[in-house]
Protein backbone atom coordinates (compact mmCIF):
# COMPACT_ATOMS: atom_id res chain seq x y z
CA MET A 1 -6.87 -24.23 -24.01
CA SER A 2 -6.00 -21.38 -21.72
CA LYS A 3 -2.87 -22.87 -18.85
CA LYS A 4 -4.47 -23.34 -15.44
CA ARG A 5 -2.59 -20.58 -12.89
CA ARG A 6 -1.69 -21.21 -10.05
CA GLU A 7 -3.13 -21.09 -6.57
CA ILE A 8 -2.95 -18.46 -4.51
CA PRO A 9 0.03 -19.74 -1.68
CA VAL A 10 -1.38 -19.94 2.13
CA PHE A 11 1.06 -18.81 4.62
CA ASP A 12 0.68 -19.73 8.39
CA GLN A 13 2.03 -16.20 9.05
CA PRO A 14 -0.96 -13.31 8.83
CA ILE A 15 0.00 -10.70 6.58
CA ILE A 16 -1.21 -7.27 6.42
CA GLU A 17 -2.43 -5.30 3.06
CA THR A 18 -1.53 -1.75 4.21
CA HIS A 19 -3.09 -0.56 0.10
CA CYS A 20 -5.86 -1.09 -2.02
CA HIS A 21 -9.33 0.35 -2.77
CA LEU A 22 -11.77 -1.44 -1.74
CA ASP A 23 -14.30 1.08 -2.96
CA TYR A 24 -13.03 0.83 -6.47
CA LEU A 25 -13.49 -3.19 -7.30
CA THR A 26 -16.33 -4.71 -8.82
CA ASP A 27 -16.09 -7.66 -9.73
CA ARG A 28 -17.14 -10.02 -6.42
CA PRO A 29 -19.73 -8.86 -3.55
CA LEU A 30 -16.99 -7.14 -0.75
CA GLU A 31 -18.55 -9.52 1.66
CA GLU A 32 -16.74 -12.53 -0.59
CA THR A 33 -13.27 -10.48 -1.39
CA LEU A 34 -13.33 -9.85 2.38
CA GLU A 35 -14.16 -13.68 2.66
CA GLN A 36 -11.29 -14.37 0.05
CA ALA A 37 -8.03 -12.75 1.52
CA LYS A 38 -9.25 -13.93 5.21
CA GLY A 39 -9.44 -17.56 3.71
CA VAL A 40 -5.48 -16.93 2.74
CA ASN A 41 -5.07 -15.63 6.14
CA ILE A 42 -4.74 -11.47 5.23
CA GLU A 43 -4.66 -10.38 8.75
CA LYS A 44 -6.31 -6.54 8.36
CA VAL A 45 -7.04 -4.27 5.44
CA ILE A 46 -6.44 -0.42 5.00
CA THR A 47 -8.64 1.04 2.59
CA ILE A 48 -7.56 4.25 1.11
CA ALA A 49 -9.17 7.65 -0.05
CA VAL A 50 -7.91 9.26 -3.39
CA SER A 51 -10.88 11.81 -3.78
CA PRO A 52 -13.42 14.80 -1.71
CA ASP A 53 -15.89 12.16 -3.13
CA ASN A 54 -15.02 9.09 -1.31
CA LEU A 55 -13.43 10.17 2.27
CA ALA A 56 -16.66 9.47 3.64
CA ARG A 57 -17.29 6.28 1.49
CA VAL A 58 -13.63 4.94 3.36
CA ARG A 59 -15.41 6.08 6.78
CA GLU A 60 -17.82 4.14 5.24
CA LEU A 61 -15.61 0.96 5.26
CA SER A 62 -13.65 0.95 8.05
CA GLN A 63 -16.77 -0.28 9.26
CA VAL A 64 -17.56 -2.98 7.93
CA ALA A 65 -15.29 -5.62 9.67
CA PRO A 66 -13.77 -5.01 12.94
CA TRP A 67 -9.90 -5.66 10.15
CA VAL A 68 -10.59 -2.62 8.06
CA TYR A 69 -9.36 0.12 8.17
CA GLY A 70 -8.84 3.38 6.60
CA THR A 71 -6.90 6.33 5.47
CA GLN A 72 -8.21 10.44 4.58
CA GLY A 73 -6.46 12.19 2.18
CA ILE A 74 -6.50 13.88 -1.75
CA HIS A 75 -4.43 12.09 -4.62
CA PRO A 76 -2.86 14.17 -6.81
CA HIS A 77 -5.02 13.59 -9.47
CA ASP A 78 -7.16 15.28 -7.43
CA ALA A 79 -5.94 18.04 -6.41
CA GLU A 80 -8.07 20.75 -8.30
CA SER A 81 -10.85 19.69 -6.05
CA TYR A 82 -9.06 20.60 -2.87
CA SER A 83 -10.52 23.09 -0.83
CA ASP A 84 -10.55 24.49 2.83
CA ASP A 85 -13.71 21.88 3.61
CA VAL A 86 -12.04 19.06 2.14
CA GLU A 87 -8.96 19.97 4.37
CA ALA A 88 -11.71 20.41 7.48
CA GLU A 89 -12.78 17.25 6.76
CA ILE A 90 -10.05 15.19 6.67
CA ARG A 91 -8.50 16.99 9.86
CA ALA A 92 -11.68 15.85 11.37
CA HIS A 93 -11.75 12.23 10.81
CA ALA A 94 -7.84 12.10 10.66
CA ARG A 95 -7.80 10.85 14.50
CA ASP A 96 -11.17 8.96 14.12
CA GLU A 97 -10.57 5.02 16.05
CA LYS A 98 -10.50 2.96 13.02
CA ILE A 99 -9.11 5.94 10.26
CA VAL A 100 -4.94 5.09 10.26
CA ALA A 101 -3.11 7.31 8.14
CA VAL A 102 -3.41 10.79 5.48
CA GLY A 103 -3.69 9.28 2.45
CA GLU A 104 -3.31 9.25 -0.23
CA ILE A 105 -1.17 12.16 -1.14
CA GLY A 106 2.01 13.54 -2.48
CA LEU A 107 3.47 14.44 -6.47
CA ASP A 108 2.24 11.96 -9.48
CA TYR A 109 3.68 13.76 -11.83
CA PHE A 110 4.28 10.33 -13.73
CA TYR A 111 5.65 11.68 -16.50
CA ASP A 112 8.05 14.01 -14.99
CA ASN A 113 10.79 12.89 -12.99
CA ALA A 114 9.35 14.38 -8.89
CA ASP A 115 12.17 13.15 -6.97
CA ARG A 116 14.07 16.12 -5.98
CA ASP A 117 10.34 17.96 -5.59
CA THR A 118 9.44 14.56 -3.06
CA ILE A 119 12.34 15.14 -1.31
CA GLU A 120 12.60 18.83 -0.80
CA ILE A 121 8.88 18.63 0.65
CA LEU A 122 9.44 16.02 2.87
CA GLY A 123 12.51 17.74 3.88
CA GLU A 124 10.58 20.47 4.99
CA PHE A 125 8.65 18.43 7.17
CA GLU A 126 11.33 15.72 8.75
CA THR A 127 12.23 17.13 11.71
CA THR A 128 8.30 17.99 13.07
CA LEU A 129 6.82 14.89 12.00
CA LYS A 130 6.01 12.37 14.45
CA ARG A 131 5.75 9.48 12.43
CA ARG A 132 7.33 8.08 9.26
CA GLY A 133 4.79 7.10 6.95
CA VAL A 134 4.79 5.28 3.35
CA ILE A 135 6.03 6.14 0.33
CA HIS A 136 3.32 3.35 -1.59
CA SER A 137 3.57 1.99 -4.75
CA PHE A 138 7.53 2.83 -5.25
CA THR A 139 8.61 3.08 -8.63
CA SER A 140 10.79 5.79 -8.26
CA GLY A 141 15.26 5.77 -8.52
CA PRO A 142 17.51 5.12 -5.74
CA GLY A 143 18.15 8.35 -5.15
CA LEU A 144 14.54 8.99 -3.41
CA ALA A 145 14.72 5.35 -1.57
CA ARG A 146 18.37 6.36 -0.48
CA TYR A 147 16.92 9.20 0.87
CA ALA A 148 13.52 7.96 2.09
CA LEU A 149 14.99 5.13 4.05
CA ASP A 150 17.90 6.97 5.58
CA GLN A 151 14.59 9.69 6.52
CA GLY A 152 12.95 6.30 8.03
CA TRP A 153 10.81 5.40 4.98
CA CYS A 154 9.04 2.82 4.51
CA LEU A 155 8.42 1.91 0.78
CA GLY A 156 5.45 -0.08 -0.18
CA PHE A 157 6.04 -2.74 -3.45
CA ASN A 158 2.57 -4.30 -4.61
CA GLY A 159 2.48 -6.27 -7.84
CA ILE A 160 4.55 -4.38 -10.35
CA THR A 161 7.55 -6.14 -8.75
CA THR A 162 6.59 -9.36 -10.51
CA PHE A 163 6.56 -7.78 -14.06
CA ASN A 164 8.71 -8.99 -16.76
CA LYS A 165 10.10 -5.41 -17.39
CA ALA A 166 10.41 -3.82 -13.87
CA GLU A 167 14.03 -4.48 -13.23
CA ASN A 168 14.39 -1.35 -12.17
CA VAL A 169 11.61 -1.91 -9.24
CA ARG A 170 13.32 -4.95 -7.99
CA ASP A 171 16.21 -3.38 -7.85
CA ILE A 172 15.13 -1.42 -4.99
CA VAL A 173 13.46 -3.97 -3.72
CA ARG A 174 17.40 -5.63 -4.05
CA MET A 175 18.41 -2.22 -1.47
CA ALA A 176 15.46 -1.80 0.88
CA PRO A 177 16.63 -3.16 4.24
CA ILE A 178 13.68 -5.69 4.81
CA GLU A 179 13.26 -3.48 7.80
CA GLN A 180 11.78 -1.09 5.71
CA ILE A 181 9.16 -2.63 3.13
CA LEU A 182 5.55 -2.51 3.20
CA LEU A 183 3.15 -5.42 1.06
CA GLU A 184 0.01 -3.59 -0.99
CA THR A 185 -1.81 -4.48 -3.80
CA ASP A 186 -3.52 -1.25 -4.90
CA SER A 187 -6.24 -3.40 -6.76
CA PRO A 188 -7.96 -2.26 -8.23
CA PHE A 189 -4.79 -2.34 -10.35
CA LEU A 190 -1.51 -3.83 -10.69
CA THR A 191 -2.46 -7.21 -10.47
CA PRO A 192 0.63 -9.26 -9.42
CA VAL A 193 1.81 -12.37 -12.17
CA PRO A 194 0.26 -14.58 -12.80
CA TYR A 195 -3.15 -13.04 -12.96
CA ARG A 196 -2.40 -10.45 -14.79
CA GLY A 197 -5.15 -9.55 -17.04
CA LYS A 198 -7.77 -9.77 -13.63
CA GLU A 199 -9.20 -7.16 -11.47
CA ASN A 200 -6.43 -6.88 -8.53
CA ALA A 201 -8.03 -8.13 -4.96
CA PRO A 202 -6.46 -7.90 -1.39
CA PHE A 203 -6.40 -11.99 -2.06
CA TYR A 204 -3.20 -11.87 -4.61
CA LEU A 205 -1.32 -10.25 -2.09
CA PRO A 206 0.80 -13.75 -1.25
CA PHE A 207 2.07 -13.54 -5.06
CA VAL A 208 3.51 -10.22 -3.87
CA ALA A 209 5.30 -11.12 -0.87
CA GLU A 210 6.52 -14.23 -2.55
CA LYS A 211 8.38 -12.04 -4.61
CA ILE A 212 10.03 -10.11 -2.56
CA ALA A 213 11.34 -12.80 -1.08
CA GLU A 214 12.54 -14.26 -4.23
CA VAL A 215 14.15 -10.40 -4.81
CA LYS A 216 15.93 -10.29 -1.76
CA GLU A 217 17.00 -14.57 -1.51
CA LEU A 218 15.68 -14.09 1.84
CA PRO A 219 13.58 -16.30 4.11
CA LEU A 220 9.70 -15.90 3.10
CA ASP A 221 8.73 -16.75 7.01
CA GLU A 222 11.00 -14.12 7.24
CA VAL A 223 9.44 -11.71 5.02
CA ILE A 224 6.47 -12.35 6.19
CA GLY A 225 6.58 -11.61 9.86
CA LYS A 226 9.52 -8.67 8.85
CA THR A 227 6.58 -6.61 6.75
CA TYR A 228 3.56 -7.43 9.46
CA ALA A 229 5.96 -5.80 11.89
CA ASN A 230 6.64 -3.02 9.67
CA SER A 231 3.14 -2.78 9.10
CA LEU A 232 2.52 -2.34 12.87
CA ARG A 233 4.88 0.18 13.61
CA THR A 234 3.28 2.19 10.51
CA PHE A 235 0.02 1.41 10.97
CA PHE A 236 -0.89 0.19 14.22
CA PRO A 237 1.94 1.61 16.61
CA GLY A 238 -0.45 0.72 19.42
CA GLU A 239 0.13 -3.08 18.45
């Protein structure tokens, strides 16, 4: 008989899900997913574009509820499908009311160390960028972390922080100021403990908040409050 998993904690303070892929979720109807997210006090959800095929879909999803937002961008895995037309589409919609960022973009070498290249590219634009963003699902080393933090970027952390073998990521969580940490799930991927093996979803985000508080040895309400403020500053600067 399998052990019953712990219920998802519900906090009094709201949380913002800064990175998920609603169009990839298959376990339940979207309406049910969003209802469950609301039930654990997720106040806003940002669903992320990754390819030319889902740019329009993300824009559609950003309209399903007032508290769902989207991005426009091409993941490096789909770099070969990038074109002038795709860039024109991203630029045309980057300022849409419900589009809050350009992403998912960047380098994703997976097995090759991309830190040096990332630092060089960020360095080229650091004087011209009006606002900083987030290095999502941060799993790189302390060198890139320090550089990004010094330049005012946020680091996004998700269910990886709960994995047994992810002490390297927890080391970066310890190092990063709470004022520069964002919470995300990257669902349907990277489901946090104790729900590993199930499809991830935005409503598992409270487990990430708990782990960040544990690792940083900070009160949970401080972590939730600070990461909420960080999310507003990064994606909703008018609020």
